[in-house]
C-alpha atoms as a PDB file:
ATOM      1  CA  UNK A   1       0.000   0.000   0.000  1.00  0.00           C
ATOM      2  CA  UNK A   2       1.388   3.410  -0.874  1.00  0.00           C
ATOM      3  CA  UNK A   3       2.231   6.196   1.532  1.00  0.00           C
ATOM      4  CA  UNK A   4      -0.580   8.294   0.057  1.00  0.00           C
ATOM      5  CA  UNK A   5      -3.068   5.578   0.990  1.00  0.00           C
ATOM      6  CA  UNK A   6      -1.767   5.503   4.554  1.00  0.00           C
ATOM      7  CA  UNK A   7      -2.130   9.287   4.779  1.00  0.00           C
ATOM      8  CA  UNK A   8      -5.741   9.016   3.635  1.00  0.00           C
ATOM      9  CA  UNK A   9      -6.352   6.191   6.101  1.00  0.00           C
ATOM     10  CA  UNK A  10      -4.653   8.296   8.759  1.00  0.00           C
ATOM     11  CA  UNK A  11      -7.082  11.172   8.330  1.00  0.00           C
ATOM     12  CA  UNK A  12      -9.984   8.871   9.098  1.00  0.00           C
ATOM     13  CA  UNK A  13      -8.061   6.861  11.706  1.00  0.00           C
ATOM     14  CA  UNK A  14      -7.260  10.032  13.670  1.00  0.00           C
ATOM     15  CA  UNK A  15     -10.959  10.789  13.990  1.00  0.00           C
ATOM     16  CA  UNK A  16     -11.712   7.205  15.053  1.00  0.00           C
ATOM     17  CA  UNK A  17      -8.871   7.273  17.605  1.00  0.00           C
ATOM     18  CA  UNK A  18     -10.305  10.496  19.026  1.00  0.00           C
ATOM     19  CA  UNK A  19     -13.723   8.819  19.313  1.00  0.00           C
ATOM     20  CA  UNK A  20     -12.165   5.851  21.124  1.00  0.00           C
ATOM     21  CA  UNK A  21     -10.128   8.083  23.464  1.00  0.00           C
ATOM     22  CA  UNK A  22     -12.215  11.215  23.955  1.00  0.00           C
ATOM     23  CA  UNK A  23     -10.940  14.084  26.030  1.00  0.00           C
ATOM     24  CA  UNK A  24      -9.572  17.576  25.864  1.00  0.00           C
ATOM     25  CA  UNK A  25      -6.406  17.707  23.825  1.00  0.00           C
ATOM     26  CA  UNK A  26      -4.547  20.901  23.004  1.00  0.00           C
ATOM     27  CA  UNK A  27      -4.288  21.811  19.354  1.00  0.00           C
ATOM     28  CA  UNK A  28      -7.798  20.807  18.361  1.00  0.00           C
ATOM     29  CA  UNK A  29      -8.558  19.471  14.910  1.00  0.00           C
ATOM     30  CA  UNK A  30      -5.136  20.281  13.429  1.00  0.00           C
ATOM     31  CA  UNK A  31      -3.284  18.168  16.003  1.00  0.00           C
ATOM     32  CA  UNK A  32      -5.848  15.373  15.643  1.00  0.00           C
ATOM     33  CA  UNK A  33      -5.341  15.342  11.870  1.00  0.00           C
ATOM     34  CA  UNK A  34      -1.555  15.345  12.309  1.00  0.00           C
ATOM     35  CA  UNK A  35      -1.693  12.509  14.830  1.00  0.00           C
ATOM     36  CA  UNK A  36      -3.996  10.589  12.501  1.00  0.00           C
ATOM     37  CA  UNK A  37      -1.750  10.995   9.462  1.00  0.00           C
ATOM     38  CA  UNK A  38       1.444  10.098  11.315  1.00  0.00           C
ATOM     39  CA  UNK A  39      -0.413   7.319  13.140  1.00  0.00           C
ATOM     40  CA  UNK A  40      -1.617   5.932   9.820  1.00  0.00           C
ATOM     41  CA  UNK A  41       1.960   5.869   8.578  1.00  0.00           C
ATOM     42  CA  UNK A  42       3.096   4.255  11.850  1.00  0.00           C
ATOM     43  CA  UNK A  43       0.332   1.658  11.573  1.00  0.00           C
ATOM     44  CA  UNK A  44       1.306   0.913   7.979  1.00  0.00           C
ATOM     45  CA  UNK A  45       4.913   0.461   9.003  1.00  0.00           C
ATOM     46  CA  UNK A  46       3.976  -1.776  11.949  1.00  0.00           C
ATOM     47  CA  UNK A  47       1.664  -3.902   9.809  1.00  0.00           C
ATOM     48  CA  UNK A  48       4.243  -4.261   7.063  1.00  0.00           C
ATOM     49  CA  UNK A  49       6.941  -5.105   9.605  1.00  0.00           C
ATOM     50  CA  UNK A  50       4.849  -7.832  11.231  1.00  0.00           C
ATOM     51  CA  UNK A  51       3.305  -9.266   8.076  1.00  0.00           C
ATOM     52  CA  UNK A  52       5.789  -8.358   5.359  1.00  0.00           C
ATOM     53  CA  UNK A  53       4.840  -6.858   2.022  1.00  0.00           C
ATOM     54  CA  UNK A  54       1.890  -9.177   1.391  1.00  0.00           C
ATOM     55  CA  UNK A  55       0.182  -8.849   4.762  1.00  0.00           C
ATOM     56  CA  UNK A  56      -1.159  -5.305   4.440  1.00  0.00           C
ATOM     57  CA  UNK A  57      -2.503  -4.224   1.087  1.00  0.00           C
ATOM     58  CA  UNK A  58      -5.324  -2.146  -0.263  1.00  0.00           C
ATOM     59  CA  UNK A  59      -8.201  -0.480   1.489  1.00  0.00           C
ATOM     60  CA  UNK A  60      -9.494  -3.190   3.771  1.00  0.00           C
ATOM     61  CA  UNK A  61     -10.477  -3.642   7.389  1.00  0.00           C
ATOM     62  CA  UNK A  62      -7.098  -5.012   8.477  1.00  0.00           C
ATOM     63  CA  UNK A  63      -5.246  -2.046   6.976  1.00  0.00           C
ATOM     64  CA  UNK A  64      -7.668   0.374   8.586  1.00  0.00           C
ATOM     65  CA  UNK A  65      -7.205  -1.413  11.911  1.00  0.00           C
ATOM     66  CA  UNK A  66      -3.438  -0.894  11.689  1.00  0.00           C
ATOM     67  CA  UNK A  67      -3.943   2.788  10.918  1.00  0.00           C
ATOM     68  CA  UNK A  68      -6.256   3.201  13.923  1.00  0.00           C
ATOM     69  CA  UNK A  69      -3.803   1.306  16.138  1.00  0.00           C
ATOM     70  CA  UNK A  70      -0.962   3.602  15.064  1.00  0.00           C
ATOM     71  CA  UNK A  71      -3.143   6.652  15.742  1.00  0.00           C
ATOM     72  CA  UNK A  72      -4.121   5.366  19.183  1.00  0.00           C
ATOM     73  CA  UNK A  73      -0.475   4.767  20.072  1.00  0.00           C
ATOM     74  CA  UNK A  74       0.480   8.288  19.040  1.00  0.00           C
ATOM     75  CA  UNK A  75      -2.510   9.850  20.792  1.00  0.00           C
ATOM     76  CA  UNK A  76      -1.594   8.086  24.029  1.00  0.00           C
ATOM     77  CA  UNK A  77       2.046   9.146  23.707  1.00  0.00           C
ATOM     78  CA  UNK A  78       0.976  12.710  22.952  1.00  0.00           C
ATOM     79  CA  UNK A  79      -1.184  12.793  26.061  1.00  0.00           C
ATOM     80  CA  UNK A  80       1.600  11.357  28.218  1.00  0.00           C
ATOM     81  CA  UNK A  81       4.108  13.937  26.993  1.00  0.00           C
ATOM     82  CA  UNK A  82       1.653  16.839  27.262  1.00  0.00           C
ATOM     83  CA  UNK A  83       0.487  15.789  30.723  1.00  0.00           C
ATOM     84  CA  UNK A  84       4.069  15.612  32.032  1.00  0.00           C
ATOM     85  CA  UNK A  85       5.070  18.949  30.507  1.00  0.00           C
ATOM     86  CA  UNK A  86       1.951  20.590  31.913  1.00  0.00           C
ATOM     87  CA  UNK A  87       2.640  19.723  35.540  1.00  0.00           C
END
């Protein structure tokens, strides 16, 4: 799957990650989009690393799941870093 596909998945995955982990995050929609895009790329990399080139391909539920997982990981890390720097 191409990087452009993972960016597109990431846009949607960022919104889904925000629905799964609601809460007040600084930065609003711009940060959520950024986390989603980078999370989609992270999820694509993780999926490809675990399953090789043939494991993740095309727009399917498994690929979307990896994108959401990557977005959730980044959202959690973002909250941990922001929470520590805030206190």
